[in-house]
Amino acid sequence: MATQRTIDMEESRQVNTLAAFTFGAVFVVIGLLGFTVSGGHQPVGSHGGHLLGVFQVNLLHNLVHLALGALMIFAAVAGTRPAKVVDVLVGAVYLAVGAIGVFATGTSLNIIALNGADNALHLLLGAVLLAIGLLADR
């Protein structure tokens, strides 16, 4: 019984670490790819280039992706506890950004060139990361 519990705990710890590393790597790639479409647009503002033809990004948006990606990779490498904390934190922030984005899109508050697709993705990513962070490492 104790052996099974130990194995289950090790597997659940790996989920947060794997999620932090994987999402972090994707954020870094997305941040870098964003530079291919954000040129010619204001670095900060409501308009930007369309990444993958759907998601709007500008320089600031790209930098946010790079910073979050680096933070998540660093946390994953640092261990299970930092990965869990970052998964929860980034998940909560993404949920907030998704919710705020719904109201900020089309206004001067939209400084990272959010559009409807960004908002939907941020809400989804936030929910997934928050769920992993809260539930996977119990």
Protein backbone atom coordinates (compact mmCIF):
# COMPACT_ATOMS: atom_id res chain seq x y z
CA MET A 1 0.00 0.00 0.00
CA ALA A 2 2.76 2.46 0.94
CA THR A 3 4.67 1.59 -2.25
CA GLN A 4 1.64 2.34 -4.44
CA ARG A 5 1.14 5.68 -2.67
CA THR A 6 4.80 6.58 -3.25
CA ILE A 7 4.52 5.75 -6.95
CA ASP A 8 1.29 7.76 -7.28
CA MET A 9 2.89 10.78 -5.56
CA GLU A 10 5.94 10.61 -7.83
CA GLU A 11 3.74 10.44 -10.95
CA SER A 12 1.60 13.39 -9.85
CA ARG A 13 4.70 15.47 -9.14
CA GLN A 14 5.92 14.80 -12.63
CA VAL A 15 2.72 16.22 -14.11
CA ASN A 16 3.37 19.73 -12.77
CA THR A 17 7.01 19.62 -13.81
CA LEU A 18 6.17 18.30 -17.27
CA ALA A 19 3.38 20.86 -17.72
CA ALA A 20 5.59 23.77 -16.64
CA PHE A 21 8.39 22.69 -18.94
CA THR A 22 6.13 21.94 -21.92
CA PHE A 23 4.02 25.08 -21.67
CA GLY A 24 7.16 27.11 -21.02
CA ALA A 25 8.85 25.76 -24.15
CA VAL A 26 5.73 26.48 -26.21
CA PHE A 27 5.55 30.04 -24.85
CA VAL A 28 9.19 30.62 -25.81
CA VAL A 29 8.58 29.32 -29.34
CA ILE A 30 5.40 31.41 -29.69
CA GLY A 31 7.24 34.47 -28.37
CA LEU A 32 9.99 34.02 -30.95
CA LEU A 33 7.55 33.32 -33.79
CA GLY A 34 5.64 36.45 -32.83
CA PHE A 35 8.59 38.57 -33.92
CA THR A 36 8.09 37.31 -37.48
CA VAL A 37 4.67 38.98 -37.71
CA SER A 38 4.80 41.92 -35.31
CA GLY A 39 7.22 44.10 -37.26
CA GLY A 40 5.68 47.25 -38.70
CA HIS A 41 3.25 47.51 -35.79
CA GLN A 42 3.50 49.65 -32.68
CA PRO A 43 5.49 47.81 -29.98
CA VAL A 44 2.75 48.60 -27.44
CA GLY A 45 -0.85 49.09 -28.49
CA SER A 46 -4.08 47.50 -29.60
CA HIS A 47 -2.93 46.42 -33.07
CA GLY A 48 -0.37 43.84 -34.08
CA GLY A 49 0.54 41.13 -36.51
CA HIS A 50 -1.45 37.92 -36.79
CA LEU A 51 0.44 34.89 -35.55
CA LEU A 52 -0.76 31.68 -37.22
CA GLY A 53 -3.22 33.93 -39.04
CA VAL A 54 -5.41 34.18 -35.93
CA PHE A 55 -3.71 35.48 -32.79
CA GLN A 56 -2.76 39.14 -32.67
CA VAL A 57 0.66 40.00 -31.18
CA ASN A 58 2.92 43.00 -30.80
CA LEU A 59 6.42 43.41 -29.35
CA LEU A 60 5.16 43.60 -25.75
CA HIS A 61 2.98 40.52 -26.21
CA ASN A 62 5.99 38.62 -27.60
CA LEU A 63 8.14 39.67 -24.64
CA VAL A 64 5.47 38.52 -22.20
CA HIS A 65 5.42 35.09 -23.87
CA LEU A 66 9.22 34.86 -23.70
CA ALA A 67 9.35 35.91 -20.04
CA LEU A 68 6.59 33.50 -18.98
CA GLY A 69 8.19 30.71 -20.97
CA ALA A 70 11.56 31.28 -19.33
CA LEU A 71 9.95 31.45 -15.88
CA MET A 72 8.07 28.20 -16.44
CA ILE A 73 11.13 26.35 -17.75
CA PHE A 74 13.20 27.62 -14.83
CA ALA A 75 10.52 26.46 -12.37
CA ALA A 76 10.31 23.03 -14.00
CA VAL A 77 14.07 22.59 -13.74
CA ALA A 78 14.04 23.83 -10.13
CA GLY A 79 11.68 21.04 -9.01
CA THR A 80 8.17 19.93 -8.34
CA ARG A 81 7.19 22.60 -5.82
CA PRO A 82 8.33 25.57 -7.95
CA ALA A 83 6.65 24.01 -11.00
CA LYS A 84 3.38 23.63 -9.10
CA VAL A 85 3.51 27.23 -7.84
CA VAL A 86 4.23 28.58 -11.32
CA ASP A 87 1.51 26.44 -12.93
CA VAL A 88 -1.03 27.84 -10.45
CA LEU A 89 0.26 31.41 -10.72
CA VAL A 90 0.45 31.49 -14.51
CA GLY A 91 -2.92 29.75 -14.76
CA ALA A 92 -4.56 32.36 -12.53
CA VAL A 93 -2.88 35.22 -14.39
CA TYR A 94 -3.95 33.83 -17.76
CA LEU A 95 -7.54 33.50 -16.55
CA ALA A 96 -7.43 37.12 -15.41
CA VAL A 97 -5.85 38.30 -18.67
CA GLY A 98 -8.47 36.38 -20.65
CA ALA A 99 -11.30 37.94 -18.65
CA ILE A 100 -9.82 41.44 -18.76
CA GLY A 101 -9.09 41.03 -22.46
CA VAL A 102 -12.78 40.55 -23.19
CA PHE A 103 -13.40 44.07 -21.93
CA ALA A 104 -10.09 45.65 -23.01
CA THR A 105 -10.22 44.56 -26.66
CA GLY A 106 -11.01 47.58 -28.80
CA THR A 107 -10.00 50.07 -26.09
CA SER A 108 -6.84 51.98 -25.20
CA LEU A 109 -6.33 49.54 -22.29
CA ASN A 110 -5.40 46.85 -24.81
CA ILE A 111 -1.63 47.37 -24.77
CA ILE A 112 -0.66 43.83 -25.83
CA ALA A 113 -2.79 43.65 -29.00
CA LEU A 114 -5.36 41.17 -27.73
CA ASN A 115 -8.15 39.93 -29.96
CA GLY A 116 -11.02 37.49 -29.45
CA ALA A 117 -8.90 34.45 -30.33
CA ASP A 118 -6.24 35.53 -27.81
CA ASN A 119 -8.86 35.97 -25.11
CA ALA A 120 -10.37 32.53 -25.71
CA LEU A 121 -6.94 30.87 -25.73
CA HIS A 122 -5.88 32.70 -22.57
CA LEU A 123 -9.03 31.55 -20.76
CA LEU A 124 -8.48 27.95 -21.89
CA LEU A 125 -4.75 27.94 -21.02
CA GLY A 126 -5.48 29.56 -17.67
CA ALA A 127 -8.06 26.93 -16.78
CA VAL A 128 -5.80 24.06 -17.84
CA LEU A 129 -2.71 25.35 -16.01
CA LEU A 130 -4.67 26.20 -12.87
CA ALA A 131 -6.30 22.76 -12.85
CA ILE A 132 -2.97 21.00 -13.32
CA GLY A 133 -1.34 23.09 -10.64
CA LEU A 134 -4.09 22.56 -8.09
CA LEU A 135 -5.06 18.97 -8.81
CA ALA A 136 -2.06 17.08 -10.17
CA ASP A 137 0.26 17.42 -7.19
CA ARG A 138 -1.87 16.39 -4.24
